[in-house]
């Protein structure tokens, strides 16, 4: 599997990419996702950003975001680490 693929109108991203971005081990990522402790947000670009998708993943203290193009190539990635503080609610909003 490529790191990001499109399947039946949805975006699929390799769990290793998410785990790496959030700075946690893959088994812990899976466990926390099943427990609802890691959530995500998917946004589709419009106008000048048409064809792009922004995928954002939230853990208790980090936000990991990737921007992909229409071929599934990752064109940008970023992580915000809030240390011991929980993520502010304003960071969880679309476009934030």
PDB file of N, CA and C in Angstrom:
ATOM      1  N   UNK A   1       0.836  -1.189   0.000  1.00  0.00           N
ATOM      2  CA  UNK A   1       0.000   0.000   0.000  1.00  0.00           C
ATOM      3  C   UNK A   1       0.877   1.247   0.000  1.00  0.00           C
ATOM      4  N   UNK A   2       0.514   2.220  -0.829  1.00  0.00           N
ATOM      5  CA  UNK A   2       1.165   3.516  -0.783  1.00  0.00           C
ATOM      6  C   UNK A   2       0.754   4.187   0.528  1.00  0.00           C
ATOM      7  N   UNK A   3       1.509   5.189   0.960  1.00  0.00           N
ATOM      8  CA  UNK A   3       1.133   5.856   2.215  1.00  0.00           C
ATOM      9  C   UNK A   3      -0.298   6.402   2.211  1.00  0.00           C
ATOM     10  N   UNK A   4      -0.767   6.883   1.039  1.00  0.00           N
ATOM     11  CA  UNK A   4      -2.126   7.404   0.937  1.00  0.00           C
ATOM     12  C   UNK A   4      -2.733   6.894  -0.362  1.00  0.00           C
ATOM     13  N   UNK A   5      -3.955   6.367  -0.276  1.00  0.00           N
ATOM     14  CA  UNK A   5      -4.671   5.881  -1.455  1.00  0.00           C
ATOM     15  C   UNK A   5      -6.126   6.317  -1.384  1.00  0.00           C
ATOM     16  N   UNK A   6      -6.739   6.390  -2.550  1.00  0.00           N
ATOM     17  CA  UNK A   6      -8.159   6.681  -2.638  1.00  0.00           C
ATOM     18  C   UNK A   6      -8.874   5.372  -2.949  1.00  0.00           C
ATOM     19  N   UNK A   7      -9.910   5.055  -2.176  1.00  0.00           N
ATOM     20  CA  UNK A   7     -10.648   3.808  -2.338  1.00  0.00           C
ATOM     21  C   UNK A   7     -12.136   4.097  -2.223  1.00  0.00           C
ATOM     22  N   UNK A   8     -12.875   3.884  -3.307  1.00  0.00           N
ATOM     23  CA  UNK A   8     -14.331   4.078  -3.305  1.00  0.00           C
ATOM     24  C   UNK A   8     -14.749   5.434  -2.733  1.00  0.00           C
ATOM     25  N   UNK A   9     -14.071   6.489  -3.149  1.00  0.00           N
ATOM     26  CA  UNK A   9     -14.435   7.832  -2.718  1.00  0.00           C
ATOM     27  C   UNK A   9     -13.933   8.231  -1.343  1.00  0.00           C
ATOM     28  N   UNK A  10     -13.155   7.371  -0.698  1.00  0.00           N
ATOM     29  CA  UNK A  10     -12.599   7.716   0.608  1.00  0.00           C
ATOM     30  C   UNK A  10     -11.077   7.757   0.520  1.00  0.00           C
ATOM     31  N   UNK A  11     -10.476   8.412   1.472  1.00  0.00           N
ATOM     32  CA  UNK A  11      -9.022   8.498   1.554  1.00  0.00           C
ATOM     33  C   UNK A  11      -8.560   7.505   2.611  1.00  0.00           C
ATOM     34  N   UNK A  12      -7.589   6.678   2.247  1.00  0.00           N
ATOM     35  CA  UNK A  12      -7.008   5.729   3.194  1.00  0.00           C
ATOM     36  C   UNK A  12      -5.544   6.089   3.382  1.00  0.00           C
ATOM     37  N   UNK A  13      -5.131   6.217   4.635  1.00  0.00           N
ATOM     38  CA  UNK A  13      -3.743   6.563   4.937  1.00  0.00           C
ATOM     39  C   UNK A  13      -3.135   5.448   5.786  1.00  0.00           C
ATOM     40  N   UNK A  14      -1.903   5.122   5.489  1.00  0.00           N
ATOM     41  CA  UNK A  14      -1.190   4.076   6.216  1.00  0.00           C
ATOM     42  C   UNK A  14      -1.087   4.472   7.695  1.00  0.00           C
ATOM     43  N   UNK A  15      -1.437   3.564   8.575  1.00  0.00           N
ATOM     44  CA  UNK A  15      -1.418   3.840  10.017  1.00  0.00           C
ATOM     45  C   UNK A  15      -0.026   4.213  10.506  1.00  0.00           C
ATOM     46  N   UNK A  16       1.012   3.694   9.856  1.00  0.00           N
ATOM     47  CA  UNK A  16       2.376   4.035  10.257  1.00  0.00           C
ATOM     48  C   UNK A  16       2.637   5.533  10.105  1.00  0.00           C
ATOM     49  N   UNK A  17       2.106   6.146   9.044  1.00  0.00           N
ATOM     50  CA  UNK A  17       2.279   7.588   8.815  1.00  0.00           C
ATOM     51  C   UNK A  17       1.649   8.372   9.967  1.00  0.00           C
ATOM     52  N   UNK A  18       0.465   7.941  10.396  1.00  0.00           N
ATOM     53  CA  UNK A  18      -0.231   8.619  11.499  1.00  0.00           C
ATOM     54  C   UNK A  18       0.542   8.436  12.803  1.00  0.00           C
ATOM     55  N   UNK A  19       0.950   7.212  13.088  1.00  0.00           N
ATOM     56  CA  UNK A  19       1.689   6.928  14.323  1.00  0.00           C
ATOM     57  C   UNK A  19       2.966   7.758  14.377  1.00  0.00           C
ATOM     58  N   UNK A  20       3.669   7.806  13.278  1.00  0.00           N
ATOM     59  CA  UNK A  20       4.903   8.595  13.216  1.00  0.00           C
ATOM     60  C   UNK A  20       4.606  10.081  13.458  1.00  0.00           C
ATOM     61  N   UNK A  21       3.565  10.584  12.821  1.00  0.00           N
ATOM     62  CA  UNK A  21       3.209  11.995  12.984  1.00  0.00           C
ATOM     63  C   UNK A  21       2.783  12.350  14.392  1.00  0.00           C
ATOM     64  N   UNK A  22       2.124  11.429  15.070  1.00  0.00           N
ATOM     65  CA  UNK A  22       1.689  11.673  16.447  1.00  0.00           C
ATOM     66  C   UNK A  22       2.768  11.298  17.467  1.00  0.00           C
ATOM     67  N   UNK A  23       3.850  10.685  16.984  1.00  0.00           N
ATOM     68  CA  UNK A  23       4.959  10.337  17.873  1.00  0.00           C
ATOM     69  C   UNK A  23       4.659   9.193  18.811  1.00  0.00           C
ATOM     70  N   UNK A  24       3.853   8.211  18.336  1.00  0.00           N
ATOM     71  CA  UNK A  24       3.529   7.048  19.172  1.00  0.00           C
ATOM     72  C   UNK A  24       3.768   5.769  18.392  1.00  0.00           C
ATOM     73  N   UNK A  25       3.881   4.665  19.099  1.00  0.00           N
ATOM     74  CA  UNK A  25       4.078   3.362  18.469  1.00  0.00           C
ATOM     75  C   UNK A  25       2.794   2.911  17.782  1.00  0.00           C
ATOM     76  N   UNK A  26       2.946   2.164  16.714  1.00  0.00           N
ATOM     77  CA  UNK A  26       1.802   1.692  15.931  1.00  0.00           C
ATOM     78  C   UNK A  26       0.776   0.916  16.764  1.00  0.00           C
ATOM     79  N   UNK A  27       1.196  -0.024  17.642  1.00  0.00           N
ATOM     80  CA  UNK A  27       0.190  -0.726  18.456  1.00  0.00           C
ATOM     81  C   UNK A  27      -0.604   0.219  19.359  1.00  0.00           C
ATOM     82  N   UNK A  28       0.067   1.243  19.905  1.00  0.00           N
ATOM     83  CA  UNK A  28      -0.625   2.208  20.751  1.00  0.00           C
ATOM     84  C   UNK A  28      -1.605   3.042  19.924  1.00  0.00           C
ATOM     85  N   UNK A  29      -1.213   3.399  18.713  1.00  0.00           N
ATOM     86  CA  UNK A  29      -2.122   4.128  17.823  1.00  0.00           C
ATOM     87  C   UNK A  29      -3.407   3.326  17.616  1.00  0.00           C
ATOM     88  N   UNK A  30      -3.261   2.068  17.268  1.00  0.00           N
ATOM     89  CA  UNK A  30      -4.441   1.226  17.021  1.00  0.00           C
ATOM     90  C   UNK A  30      -5.315   1.111  18.270  1.00  0.00           C
ATOM     91  N   UNK A  31      -4.681   0.919  19.410  1.00  0.00           N
ATOM     92  CA  UNK A  31      -5.418   0.791  20.674  1.00  0.00           C
ATOM     93  C   UNK A  31      -6.177   2.085  20.978  1.00  0.00           C
ATOM     94  N   UNK A  32      -5.519   3.219  20.828  1.00  0.00           N
ATOM     95  CA  UNK A  32      -6.161   4.494  21.135  1.00  0.00           C
ATOM     96  C   UNK A  32      -7.253   4.850  20.119  1.00  0.00           C
ATOM     97  N   UNK A  33      -7.083   4.444  18.879  1.00  0.00           N
ATOM     98  CA  UNK A  33      -8.133   4.684  17.879  1.00  0.00           C
ATOM     99  C   UNK A  33      -9.381   3.870  18.227  1.00  0.00           C
ATOM    100  N   UNK A  34      -9.185   2.611  18.589  1.00  0.00           N
ATOM    101  CA  UNK A  34     -10.329   1.770  18.967  1.00  0.00           C
ATOM    102  C   UNK A  34     -11.043   2.335  20.194  1.00  0.00           C
ATOM    103  N   UNK A  35     -10.287   2.931  21.104  1.00  0.00           N
ATOM    104  CA  UNK A  35     -10.861   3.494  22.332  1.00  0.00           C
ATOM    105  C   UNK A  35     -11.438   4.899  22.110  1.00  0.00           C
ATOM    106  N   UNK A  36     -11.302   5.432  20.912  1.00  0.00           N
ATOM    107  CA  UNK A  36     -11.817   6.769  20.629  1.00  0.00           C
ATOM    108  C   UNK A  36     -10.948   7.890  21.157  1.00  0.00           C
ATOM    109  N   UNK A  37      -9.711   7.585  21.546  1.00  0.00           N
ATOM    110  CA  UNK A  37      -8.807   8.601  22.079  1.00  0.00           C
ATOM    111  C   UNK A  37      -8.051   9.335  20.978  1.00  0.00           C
ATOM    112  N   UNK A  38      -8.046   8.769  19.795  1.00  0.00           N
ATOM    113  CA  UNK A  38      -7.482   9.451  18.626  1.00  0.00           C
ATOM    114  C   UNK A  38      -8.624   9.623  17.644  1.00  0.00           C
ATOM    115  N   UNK A  39      -8.831  10.848  17.245  1.00  0.00           N
ATOM    116  CA  UNK A  39      -9.909  11.177  16.318  1.00  0.00           C
ATOM    117  C   UNK A  39      -9.312  11.825  15.077  1.00  0.00           C
ATOM    118  N   UNK A  40     -10.162  12.007  14.063  1.00  0.00           N
ATOM    119  CA  UNK A  40      -9.658  12.578  12.820  1.00  0.00           C
ATOM    120  C   UNK A  40     -10.693  13.489  12.175  1.00  0.00           C
ATOM    121  N   UNK A  41     -10.198  14.270  11.239  1.00  0.00           N
ATOM    122  CA  UNK A  41     -11.018  15.192  10.474  1.00  0.00           C
ATOM    123  C   UNK A  41     -10.490  15.169   9.045  1.00  0.00           C
ATOM    124  N   UNK A  42     -11.384  15.057   8.078  1.00  0.00           N
ATOM    125  CA  UNK A  42     -11.003  15.064   6.676  1.00  0.00           C
ATOM    126  C   UNK A  42     -11.679  16.237   5.985  1.00  0.00           C
ATOM    127  N   UNK A  43     -10.884  17.006   5.255  1.00  0.00           N
ATOM    128  CA  UNK A  43     -11.411  18.164   4.535  1.00  0.00           C
ATOM    129  C   UNK A  43     -10.970  18.087   3.079  1.00  0.00           C
ATOM    130  N   UNK A  44     -11.874  18.447   2.176  1.00  0.00           N
ATOM    131  CA  UNK A  44     -11.584  18.454   0.742  1.00  0.00           C
ATOM    132  C   UNK A  44     -11.422  19.894   0.290  1.00  0.00           C
ATOM    133  N   UNK A  45     -10.337  20.161  -0.445  1.00  0.00           N
ATOM    134  CA  UNK A  45     -10.062  21.510  -0.905  1.00  0.00           C
ATOM    135  C   UNK A  45     -11.031  21.970  -1.981  1.00  0.00           C
ATOM    136  N   UNK A  46     -11.254  23.268  -2.026  1.00  0.00           N
ATOM    137  CA  UNK A  46     -12.086  23.881  -3.066  1.00  0.00           C
ATOM    138  C   UNK A  46     -11.306  25.037  -3.689  1.00  0.00           C
ATOM    139  N   UNK A  47     -11.795  25.520  -4.815  1.00  0.00           N
ATOM    140  CA  UNK A  47     -11.190  26.646  -5.526  1.00  0.00           C
ATOM    141  C   UNK A  47      -9.702  26.400  -5.767  1.00  0.00           C
ATOM    142  N   UNK A  48      -8.824  27.256  -5.267  1.00  0.00           N
ATOM    143  CA  UNK A  48      -7.383  27.101  -5.499  1.00  0.00           C
ATOM    144  C   UNK A  48      -6.820  25.812  -4.910  1.00  0.00           C
ATOM    145  N   UNK A  49      -7.494  25.246  -3.928  1.00  0.00           N
ATOM    146  CA  UNK A  49      -7.046  23.996  -3.295  1.00  0.00           C
ATOM    147  C   UNK A  49      -7.785  22.776  -3.831  1.00  0.00           C
ATOM    148  N   UNK A  50      -8.527  22.928  -4.913  1.00  0.00           N
ATOM    149  CA  UNK A  50      -9.251  21.808  -5.508  1.00  0.00           C
ATOM    150  C   UNK A  50      -8.316  20.649  -5.824  1.00  0.00           C
ATOM    151  N   UNK A  51      -8.760  19.445  -5.539  1.00  0.00           N
ATOM    152  CA  UNK A  51      -7.946  18.254  -5.750  1.00  0.00           C
ATOM    153  C   UNK A  51      -7.096  17.872  -4.550  1.00  0.00           C
ATOM    154  N   UNK A  52      -7.033  18.743  -3.578  1.00  0.00           N
ATOM    155  CA  UNK A  52      -6.258  18.448  -2.368  1.00  0.00           C
ATOM    156  C   UNK A  52      -7.191  18.010  -1.244  1.00  0.00           C
ATOM    157  N   UNK A  53      -6.616  17.280  -0.318  1.00  0.00           N
ATOM    158  CA  UNK A  53      -7.330  16.839   0.887  1.00  0.00           C
ATOM    159  C   UNK A  53      -6.432  17.145   2.077  1.00  0.00           C
ATOM    160  N   UNK A  54      -7.057  17.581   3.173  1.00  0.00           N
ATOM    161  CA  UNK A  54      -6.318  17.792   4.418  1.00  0.00           C
ATOM    162  C   UNK A  54      -6.871  16.815   5.439  1.00  0.00           C
ATOM    163  N   UNK A  55      -5.990  15.966   5.952  1.00  0.00           N
ATOM    164  CA  UNK A  55      -6.350  14.968   6.952  1.00  0.00           C
ATOM    165  C   UNK A  55      -5.689  15.362   8.259  1.00  0.00           C
ATOM    166  N   UNK A  56      -6.486  15.478   9.314  1.00  0.00           N
ATOM    167  CA  UNK A  56      -5.968  15.897  10.606  1.00  0.00           C
ATOM    168  C   UNK A  56      -6.303  14.835  11.645  1.00  0.00           C
ATOM    169  N   UNK A  57      -5.314  14.498  12.456  1.00  0.00           N
ATOM    170  CA  UNK A  57      -5.460  13.473  13.493  1.00  0.00           C
ATOM    171  C   UNK A  57      -5.130  14.101  14.840  1.00  0.00           C
ATOM    172  N   UNK A  58      -5.964  13.804  15.825  1.00  0.00           N
ATOM    173  CA  UNK A  58      -5.831  14.388  17.153  1.00  0.00           C
ATOM    174  C   UNK A  58      -5.615  13.298  18.193  1.00  0.00           C
ATOM    175  N   UNK A  59      -4.587  13.470  19.014  1.00  0.00           N
ATOM    176  CA  UNK A  59      -4.432  12.646  20.217  1.00  0.00           C
ATOM    177  C   UNK A  59      -4.637  13.587  21.392  1.00  0.00           C
ATOM    178  N   UNK A  60      -4.375  13.122  22.576  1.00  0.00           N
ATOM    179  CA  UNK A  60      -4.625  13.954  23.758  1.00  0.00           C
ATOM    180  C   UNK A  60      -3.788  15.237  23.760  1.00  0.00           C
ATOM    181  N   UNK A  61      -2.534  15.136  23.280  1.00  0.00           N
ATOM    182  CA  UNK A  61      -1.620  16.275  23.374  1.00  0.00           C
ATOM    183  C   UNK A  61      -1.021  16.717  22.036  1.00  0.00           C
ATOM    184  N   UNK A  62      -1.412  16.075  20.941  1.00  0.00           N
ATOM    185  CA  UNK A  62      -0.818  16.410  19.643  1.00  0.00           C
ATOM    186  C   UNK A  62      -1.862  16.471  18.544  1.00  0.00           C
ATOM    187  N   UNK A  63      -1.532  17.294  17.542  1.00  0.00           N
ATOM    188  CA  UNK A  63      -2.320  17.329  16.308  1.00  0.00           C
ATOM    189  C   UNK A  63      -1.357  17.062  15.162  1.00  0.00           C
ATOM    190  N   UNK A  64      -1.690  16.087  14.327  1.00  0.00           N
ATOM    191  CA  UNK A  64      -0.887  15.762  13.145  1.00  0.00           C
ATOM    192  C   UNK A  64      -1.748  16.004  11.921  1.00  0.00           C
ATOM    193  N   UNK A  65      -1.184  16.722  10.959  1.00  0.00           N
ATOM    194  CA  UNK A  65      -1.946  17.070   9.758  1.00  0.00           C
ATOM    195  C   UNK A  65      -1.124  16.756   8.513  1.00  0.00           C
ATOM    196  N   UNK A  66      -1.787  16.170   7.516  1.00  0.00           N
ATOM    197  CA  UNK A  66      -1.165  15.956   6.213  1.00  0.00           C
ATOM    198  C   UNK A  66      -2.065  16.560   5.145  1.00  0.00           C
ATOM    199  N   UNK A  67      -1.428  17.134   4.142  1.00  0.00           N
ATOM    200  CA  UNK A  67      -2.132  17.629   2.970  1.00  0.00           C
ATOM    201  C   UNK A  67      -1.671  16.762   1.812  1.00  0.00           C
ATOM    202  N   UNK A  68      -2.630  16.240   1.060  1.00  0.00           N
ATOM    203  CA  UNK A  68      -2.300  15.358  -0.061  1.00  0.00           C
ATOM    204  C   UNK A  68      -2.895  15.916  -1.347  1.00  0.00           C
ATOM    205  N   UNK A  69      -2.262  15.559  -2.468  1.00  0.00           N
ATOM    206  CA  UNK A  69      -2.801  15.984  -3.753  1.00  0.00           C
ATOM    207  C   UNK A  69      -3.692  14.889  -4.324  1.00  0.00           C
ATOM    208  N   UNK A  70      -4.214  15.117  -5.530  1.00  0.00           N
ATOM    209  CA  UNK A  70      -5.182  14.185  -6.112  1.00  0.00           C
ATOM    210  C   UNK A  70      -4.601  12.813  -6.432  1.00  0.00           C
ATOM    211  N   UNK A  71      -3.262  12.700  -6.481  1.00  0.00           N
ATOM    212  CA  UNK A  71      -2.640  11.403  -6.733  1.00  0.00           C
ATOM    213  C   UNK A  71      -2.357  10.637  -5.445  1.00  0.00           C
ATOM    214  N   UNK A  72      -2.570  11.291  -4.291  1.00  0.00           N
ATOM    215  CA  UNK A  72      -2.288  10.663  -3.008  1.00  0.00           C
ATOM    216  C   UNK A  72      -0.908  10.979  -2.463  1.00  0.00           C
ATOM    217  N   UNK A  73      -0.164  11.840  -3.161  1.00  0.00           N
ATOM    218  CA  UNK A  73       1.166  12.231  -2.685  1.00  0.00           C
ATOM    219  C   UNK A  73       1.026  13.203  -1.517  1.00  0.00           C
ATOM    220  N   UNK A  74       1.801  12.972  -0.482  1.00  0.00           N
ATOM    221  CA  UNK A  74       1.811  13.891   0.656  1.00  0.00           C
ATOM    222  C   UNK A  74       2.636  15.106   0.265  1.00  0.00           C
ATOM    223  N   UNK A  75       2.007  16.287   0.290  1.00  0.00           N
ATOM    224  CA  UNK A  75       2.708  17.503  -0.100  1.00  0.00           C
ATOM    225  C   UNK A  75       3.045  18.394   1.098  1.00  0.00           C
ATOM    226  N   UNK A  76       2.441  18.097   2.231  1.00  0.00           N
ATOM    227  CA  UNK A  76       2.755  18.851   3.448  1.00  0.00           C
ATOM    228  C   UNK A  76       2.375  17.996   4.650  1.00  0.00           C
ATOM    229  N   UNK A  77       3.174  18.077   5.693  1.00  0.00           N
ATOM    230  CA  UNK A  77       2.832  17.434   6.961  1.00  0.00           C
ATOM    231  C   UNK A  77       3.317  18.319   8.093  1.00  0.00           C
ATOM    232  N   UNK A  78       2.548  18.319   9.172  1.00  0.00           N
ATOM    233  CA  UNK A  78       2.926  19.137  10.320  1.00  0.00           C
ATOM    234  C   UNK A  78       2.377  18.507  11.598  1.00  0.00           C
ATOM    235  N   UNK A  79       3.086  18.748  12.686  1.00  0.00           N
ATOM    236  CA  UNK A  79       2.665  18.263  13.996  1.00  0.00           C
ATOM    237  C   UNK A  79       2.728  19.412  14.989  1.00  0.00           C
ATOM    238  N   UNK A  80       1.683  19.559  15.755  1.00  0.00           N
ATOM    239  CA  UNK A  80       1.679  20.487  16.890  1.00  0.00           C
ATOM    240  C   UNK A  80       1.699  19.644  18.151  1.00  0.00           C
ATOM    241  N   UNK A  81       2.658  19.910  19.020  1.00  0.00           N
ATOM    242  CA  UNK A  81       2.803  19.172  20.265  1.00  0.00           C
ATOM    243  C   UNK A  81       2.536  20.138  21.411  1.00  0.00           C
ATOM    244  N   UNK A  82       1.541  19.854  22.215  1.00  0.00           N
ATOM    245  CA  UNK A  82       1.185  20.720  23.328  1.00  0.00           C
ATOM    246  C   UNK A  82       1.791  20.247  24.647  1.00  0.00           C
ATOM    247  N   UNK A  83       2.772  19.342  24.564  1.00  0.00           N
ATOM    248  CA  UNK A  83       3.458  18.864  25.763  1.00  0.00           C
ATOM    249  C   UNK A  83       2.496  18.179  26.716  1.00  0.00           C
ATOM    250  N   UNK A  84       2.470  18.636  27.953  1.00  0.00           N
ATOM    251  CA  UNK A  84       1.598  18.041  28.961  1.00  0.00           C
ATOM    252  C   UNK A  84       0.188  18.620  28.945  1.00  0.00           C
ATOM    253  N   UNK A  85      -0.013  19.699  28.202  1.00  0.00           N
ATOM    254  CA  UNK A  85      -1.325  20.347  28.147  1.00  0.00           C
ATOM    255  C   UNK A  85      -2.220  19.653  27.124  1.00  0.00           C
ATOM    256  N   UNK A  86      -3.506  19.569  27.390  1.00  0.00           N
ATOM    257  CA  UNK A  86      -4.423  19.008  26.390  1.00  0.00           C
ATOM    258  C   UNK A  86      -4.556  19.958  25.204  1.00  0.00           C
ATOM    259  N   UNK A  87      -4.945  19.417  24.064  1.00  0.00           N
ATOM    260  CA  UNK A  87      -5.152  20.235  22.874  1.00  0.00           C
ATOM    261  C   UNK A  87      -6.295  21.213  23.126  1.00  0.00           C
ATOM    262  N   UNK A  88      -6.083  22.496  22.819  1.00  0.00           N
ATOM    263  CA  UNK A  88      -7.195  23.458  22.960  1.00  0.00           C
ATOM    264  C   UNK A  88      -8.327  23.138  21.990  1.00  0.00           C
ATOM    265  N   UNK A  89      -9.547  23.400  22.383  1.00  0.00           N
ATOM    266  CA  UNK A  89     -10.701  23.115  21.529  1.00  0.00           C
ATOM    267  C   UNK A  89     -10.614  23.851  20.199  1.00  0.00           C
ATOM    268  N   UNK A  90     -10.014  25.028  20.184  1.00  0.00           N
ATOM    269  CA  UNK A  90      -9.925  25.803  18.948  1.00  0.00           C
ATOM    270  C   UNK A  90      -9.087  25.097  17.887  1.00  0.00           C
ATOM    271  N   UNK A  91      -8.163  24.230  18.284  1.00  0.00           N
ATOM    272  CA  UNK A  91      -7.307  23.500  17.344  1.00  0.00           C
ATOM    273  C   UNK A  91      -8.074  22.374  16.661  1.00  0.00           C
ATOM    274  N   UNK A  92      -9.163  21.927  17.234  1.00  0.00           N
ATOM    275  CA  UNK A  92      -9.940  20.820  16.679  1.00  0.00           C
ATOM    276  C   UNK A  92     -10.942  21.253  15.618  1.00  0.00           C
ATOM    277  N   UNK A  93     -11.038  22.533  15.342  1.00  0.00           N
ATOM    278  CA  UNK A  93     -12.019  23.021  14.363  1.00  0.00           C
ATOM    279  C   UNK A  93     -11.472  22.870  12.933  1.00  0.00           C
ATOM    280  N   UNK A  94     -12.350  22.645  11.957  1.00  0.00           N
ATOM    281  CA  UNK A  94     -11.894  22.584  10.560  1.00  0.00           C
ATOM    282  C   UNK A  94     -11.167  23.863  10.185  1.00  0.00           C
ATOM    283  N   UNK A  95     -10.090  23.696   9.416  1.00  0.00           N
ATOM    284  CA  UNK A  95      -9.327  24.833   8.955  1.00  0.00           C
ATOM    285  C   UNK A  95      -8.416  25.448  10.003  1.00  0.00           C
ATOM    286  N   UNK A  96      -8.533  24.965  11.255  1.00  0.00           N
ATOM    287  CA  UNK A  96      -7.744  25.565  12.350  1.00  0.00           C
ATOM    288  C   UNK A  96      -6.319  25.154  12.391  1.00  0.00           C
TER     289      UNK A  96
END
